[in-house]
Amino acid sequence: MINTNLKKLRLHHKLTQEEVALRINVSRQVVAKWEKGESTPDLGHSQALAKLYNVSLDNLVNFDGEDTNLIIPPKGKYFFGVAKIGDRGQIVVPKKARDVFQIKPGDALVILGDEDRGLAIVPEKMMYAFLNLVQTPFHKEDE
């Protein structure tokens, strides 16, 4: 799995094996062996690769985008899977998403929409925190 991820990330970032090798201080042949699955980078090199590609170490090693042809998401970004709409319009938020965002039963989610870009689901508490950041106080003299 890591070999496939390494190759996909390198191609996505439009880097050659030589460029990757130079950036993490190994030979091009070593990078080629990692991508072919003939060997595996040690922890230090895996950390350097994760940093180079701005992905988590866990995703570098474990992400399985084979069936979906997806690239590993950058750090802090997630692909939680697909949720199906139930008969009454309900969706189930995947467990990993609930864990990462600390969503518990009874929490409110804000559904945002853009006709061109689709839907977004934001925990209500995060939406209020965001709105508080962008609010500017209204002053009478500003009229």
C-alpha atoms as a PDB file:
ATOM      1  CA  MET A   1       0.000   0.000   0.000  1.00  0.00           C
ATOM      2  CA  ILE A   2       2.768   2.497   0.881  1.00  0.00           C
ATOM      3  CA  ASN A   3       4.469   1.875  -2.466  1.00  0.00           C
ATOM      4  CA  THR A   4       1.318   2.850  -4.364  1.00  0.00           C
ATOM      5  CA  ASN A   5       0.830   5.891  -2.146  1.00  0.00           C
ATOM      6  CA  LEU A   6       4.412   7.034  -2.717  1.00  0.00           C
ATOM      7  CA  LYS A   7       4.093   6.846  -6.477  1.00  0.00           C
ATOM      8  CA  LYS A   8       0.684   8.554  -6.570  1.00  0.00           C
ATOM      9  CA  LEU A   9       1.891  11.361  -4.325  1.00  0.00           C
ATOM     10  CA  ARG A  10       5.065  11.891  -6.342  1.00  0.00           C
ATOM     11  CA  LEU A  11       3.114  12.078  -9.595  1.00  0.00           C
ATOM     12  CA  HIS A  12       0.456  14.307  -8.031  1.00  0.00           C
ATOM     13  CA  HIS A  13       3.164  16.725  -6.903  1.00  0.00           C
ATOM     14  CA  LYS A  14       4.778  16.513 -10.363  1.00  0.00           C
ATOM     15  CA  LEU A  15       8.125  15.383  -8.997  1.00  0.00           C
ATOM     16  CA  THR A  16      10.612  12.979 -10.521  1.00  0.00           C
ATOM     17  CA  GLN A  17      12.145  10.161  -8.512  1.00  0.00           C
ATOM     18  CA  GLU A  18      15.417  12.100  -8.669  1.00  0.00           C
ATOM     19  CA  GLU A  19      13.799  15.219  -7.167  1.00  0.00           C
ATOM     20  CA  VAL A  20      12.260  13.218  -4.319  1.00  0.00           C
ATOM     21  CA  ALA A  21      15.592  11.504  -3.696  1.00  0.00           C
ATOM     22  CA  LEU A  22      17.423  14.840  -3.502  1.00  0.00           C
ATOM     23  CA  ARG A  23      14.864  16.309  -1.102  1.00  0.00           C
ATOM     24  CA  ILE A  24      15.053  13.432   1.382  1.00  0.00           C
ATOM     25  CA  ASN A  25      18.731  12.594   0.853  1.00  0.00           C
ATOM     26  CA  VAL A  26      18.547   9.117  -0.702  1.00  0.00           C
ATOM     27  CA  SER A  27      19.380   7.774  -4.153  1.00  0.00           C
ATOM     28  CA  ARG A  28      16.900   7.669  -7.021  1.00  0.00           C
ATOM     29  CA  GLN A  29      17.232   3.885  -7.013  1.00  0.00           C
ATOM     30  CA  VAL A  30      16.019   3.753  -3.400  1.00  0.00           C
ATOM     31  CA  VAL A  31      12.917   5.786  -4.318  1.00  0.00           C
ATOM     32  CA  ALA A  32      12.303   3.470  -7.293  1.00  0.00           C
ATOM     33  CA  LYS A  33      12.535   0.379  -5.038  1.00  0.00           C
ATOM     34  CA  TRP A  34      10.061   1.913  -2.560  1.00  0.00           C
ATOM     35  CA  GLU A  35       7.592   2.657  -5.363  1.00  0.00           C
ATOM     36  CA  LYS A  36       7.931  -0.864  -6.803  1.00  0.00           C
ATOM     37  CA  GLY A  37       7.411  -2.406  -3.371  1.00  0.00           C
ATOM     38  CA  GLU A  38      10.825  -4.053  -3.414  1.00  0.00           C
ATOM     39  CA  SER A  39      11.695  -2.316  -0.126  1.00  0.00           C
ATOM     40  CA  THR A  40      10.012  -0.027   2.386  1.00  0.00           C
ATOM     41  CA  PRO A  41      11.233   3.302   3.738  1.00  0.00           C
ATOM     42  CA  ASP A  42      12.298   3.250   7.389  1.00  0.00           C
ATOM     43  CA  LEU A  43      10.543   5.451   9.933  1.00  0.00           C
ATOM     44  CA  GLY A  44      12.867   8.420   9.428  1.00  0.00           C
ATOM     45  CA  HIS A  45      12.440   8.388   5.662  1.00  0.00           C
ATOM     46  CA  SER A  46       8.687   7.825   6.008  1.00  0.00           C
ATOM     47  CA  GLN A  47       8.469  10.916   8.201  1.00  0.00           C
ATOM     48  CA  ALA A  48      10.487  12.913   5.659  1.00  0.00           C
ATOM     49  CA  LEU A  49       8.200  11.732   2.852  1.00  0.00           C
ATOM     50  CA  ALA A  50       5.059  12.584   4.847  1.00  0.00           C
ATOM     51  CA  LYS A  51       6.459  16.061   5.468  1.00  0.00           C
ATOM     52  CA  LEU A  52       7.460  16.482   1.813  1.00  0.00           C
ATOM     53  CA  TYR A  53       3.956  15.610   0.633  1.00  0.00           C
ATOM     54  CA  ASN A  54       2.153  17.329   3.558  1.00  0.00           C
ATOM     55  CA  VAL A  55       0.268  14.173   4.557  1.00  0.00           C
ATOM     56  CA  SER A  56       0.002  12.362   7.852  1.00  0.00           C
ATOM     57  CA  LEU A  57       2.362   9.467   8.452  1.00  0.00           C
ATOM     58  CA  ASP A  58      -0.650   7.230   9.082  1.00  0.00           C
ATOM     59  CA  ASN A  59      -2.180   8.117   5.700  1.00  0.00           C
ATOM     60  CA  LEU A  60       1.158   7.698   3.922  1.00  0.00           C
ATOM     61  CA  VAL A  61       1.398   4.137   5.225  1.00  0.00           C
ATOM     62  CA  ASN A  62      -2.251   3.048   5.480  1.00  0.00           C
ATOM     63  CA  PHE A  63      -4.384   5.087   3.036  1.00  0.00           C
ATOM     64  CA  ASP A  64      -6.102   2.792   0.567  1.00  0.00           C
ATOM     65  CA  GLY A  65      -7.377   4.723  -2.414  1.00  0.00           C
ATOM     66  CA  GLU A  66      -7.157   1.762  -4.805  1.00  0.00           C
ATOM     67  CA  ASP A  67     -10.916   1.345  -5.252  1.00  0.00           C
ATOM     68  CA  THR A  68     -11.642   5.070  -5.500  1.00  0.00           C
ATOM     69  CA  ASN A  69      -8.459   6.243  -7.241  1.00  0.00           C
ATOM     70  CA  LEU A  70      -8.246   9.068  -4.689  1.00  0.00           C
ATOM     71  CA  ILE A  71      -5.021  10.716  -3.642  1.00  0.00           C
ATOM     72  CA  ILE A  72      -4.046  10.914   0.022  1.00  0.00           C
ATOM     73  CA  PRO A  73      -5.592  14.039   1.552  1.00  0.00           C
ATOM     74  CA  PRO A  74      -3.287  16.706   3.037  1.00  0.00           C
ATOM     75  CA  LYS A  75      -2.826  16.866   6.828  1.00  0.00           C
ATOM     76  CA  GLY A  76      -6.002  17.983   8.535  1.00  0.00           C
ATOM     77  CA  LYS A  77      -8.157  17.019   5.543  1.00  0.00           C
ATOM     78  CA  TYR A  78     -10.114  13.782   5.486  1.00  0.00           C
ATOM     79  CA  PHE A  79     -12.074  11.530   3.218  1.00  0.00           C
ATOM     80  CA  PHE A  80     -14.484   9.669   5.470  1.00  0.00           C
ATOM     81  CA  GLY A  81     -16.278   7.636   2.819  1.00  0.00           C
ATOM     82  CA  VAL A  82     -19.738   7.810   1.355  1.00  0.00           C
ATOM     83  CA  ALA A  83     -22.990   8.300   3.277  1.00  0.00           C
ATOM     84  CA  LYS A  84     -26.247   7.140   1.741  1.00  0.00           C
ATOM     85  CA  ILE A  85     -29.485   9.035   2.198  1.00  0.00           C
ATOM     86  CA  GLY A  86     -32.147   7.025   4.032  1.00  0.00           C
ATOM     87  CA  ASP A  87     -35.838   6.842   3.128  1.00  0.00           C
ATOM     88  CA  ARG A  88     -36.642   9.841   5.338  1.00  0.00           C
ATOM     89  CA  GLY A  89     -33.630  11.917   4.248  1.00  0.00           C
ATOM     90  CA  GLN A  90     -31.385  10.916   7.144  1.00  0.00           C
ATOM     91  CA  ILE A  91     -27.653  10.361   6.797  1.00  0.00           C
ATOM     92  CA  VAL A  92     -25.240   8.545   9.052  1.00  0.00           C
ATOM     93  CA  VAL A  93     -22.040  10.438   9.788  1.00  0.00           C
ATOM     94  CA  PRO A  94     -19.161   7.925   9.626  1.00  0.00           C
ATOM     95  CA  LYS A  95     -17.696   6.977  13.010  1.00  0.00           C
ATOM     96  CA  LYS A  96     -14.219   8.269  12.192  1.00  0.00           C
ATOM     97  CA  ALA A  97     -15.711  11.674  11.300  1.00  0.00           C
ATOM     98  CA  ARG A  98     -17.688  11.704  14.568  1.00  0.00           C
ATOM     99  CA  ASP A  99     -14.508  10.863  16.480  1.00  0.00           C
ATOM    100  CA  VAL A 100     -12.281  13.444  14.752  1.00  0.00           C
ATOM    101  CA  PHE A 101     -14.816  16.247  15.181  1.00  0.00           C
ATOM    102  CA  GLN A 102     -16.116  15.027  18.563  1.00  0.00           C
ATOM    103  CA  ILE A 103     -19.713  14.818  17.340  1.00  0.00           C
ATOM    104  CA  LYS A 104     -22.040  13.197  19.865  1.00  0.00           C
ATOM    105  CA  PRO A 105     -25.705  12.176  19.722  1.00  0.00           C
ATOM    106  CA  GLY A 106     -27.870  15.272  20.020  1.00  0.00           C
ATOM    107  CA  ASP A 107     -25.249  17.635  18.550  1.00  0.00           C
ATOM    108  CA  ALA A 108     -26.520  19.941  15.811  1.00  0.00           C
ATOM    109  CA  LEU A 109     -24.962  20.023  12.342  1.00  0.00           C
ATOM    110  CA  VAL A 110     -25.315  22.977   9.968  1.00  0.00           C
ATOM    111  CA  ILE A 111     -25.946  22.052   6.330  1.00  0.00           C
ATOM    112  CA  LEU A 112     -24.554  24.585   3.857  1.00  0.00           C
ATOM    113  CA  GLY A 113     -25.094  24.509   0.114  1.00  0.00           C
ATOM    114  CA  ASP A 114     -23.681  26.023  -3.032  1.00  0.00           C
ATOM    115  CA  GLU A 115     -25.349  25.069  -6.309  1.00  0.00           C
ATOM    116  CA  ASP A 116     -21.986  24.919  -8.063  1.00  0.00           C
ATOM    117  CA  ARG A 117     -19.887  23.266  -5.348  1.00  0.00           C
ATOM    118  CA  GLY A 118     -22.325  21.050  -3.430  1.00  0.00           C
ATOM    119  CA  LEU A 119     -23.098  20.560   0.251  1.00  0.00           C
ATOM    120  CA  ALA A 120     -21.027  21.003   3.381  1.00  0.00           C
ATOM    121  CA  ILE A 121     -21.849  19.754   6.857  1.00  0.00           C
ATOM    122  CA  VAL A 122     -20.379  21.709   9.749  1.00  0.00           C
ATOM    123  CA  PRO A 123     -20.823  21.034  13.477  1.00  0.00           C
ATOM    124  CA  GLU A 124     -22.906  23.906  14.859  1.00  0.00           C
ATOM    125  CA  LYS A 125     -20.364  24.691  17.593  1.00  0.00           C
ATOM    126  CA  MET A 126     -17.627  25.104  14.951  1.00  0.00           C
ATOM    127  CA  MET A 127     -19.856  27.323  12.821  1.00  0.00           C
ATOM    128  CA  TYR A 128     -20.540  29.638  15.759  1.00  0.00           C
ATOM    129  CA  ALA A 129     -16.823  29.810  16.565  1.00  0.00           C
ATOM    130  CA  PHE A 130     -16.102  30.731  12.943  1.00  0.00           C
ATOM    131  CA  LEU A 131     -18.840  33.367  12.843  1.00  0.00           C
ATOM    132  CA  ASN A 132     -17.521  34.910  16.061  1.00  0.00           C
ATOM    133  CA  LEU A 133     -14.100  35.244  14.414  1.00  0.00           C
ATOM    134  CA  VAL A 134     -15.447  37.093  11.384  1.00  0.00           C
ATOM    135  CA  GLN A 135     -17.954  39.314  13.180  1.00  0.00           C
ATOM    136  CA  THR A 136     -16.913  42.903  13.494  1.00  0.00           C
ATOM    137  CA  PRO A 137     -18.551  45.069  16.130  1.00  0.00           C
ATOM    138  CA  PHE A 138     -20.993  47.621  14.782  1.00  0.00           C
ATOM    139  CA  HIS A 139     -20.230  51.180  15.846  1.00  0.00           C
ATOM    140  CA  LYS A 140     -22.750  54.011  15.680  1.00  0.00           C
ATOM    141  CA  GLU A 141     -20.137  56.311  14.105  1.00  0.00           C
ATOM    142  CA  ASP A 142     -19.764  53.853  11.168  1.00  0.00           C
ATOM    143  CA  GLU A 143     -23.208  54.788   9.816  1.00  0.00           C
END
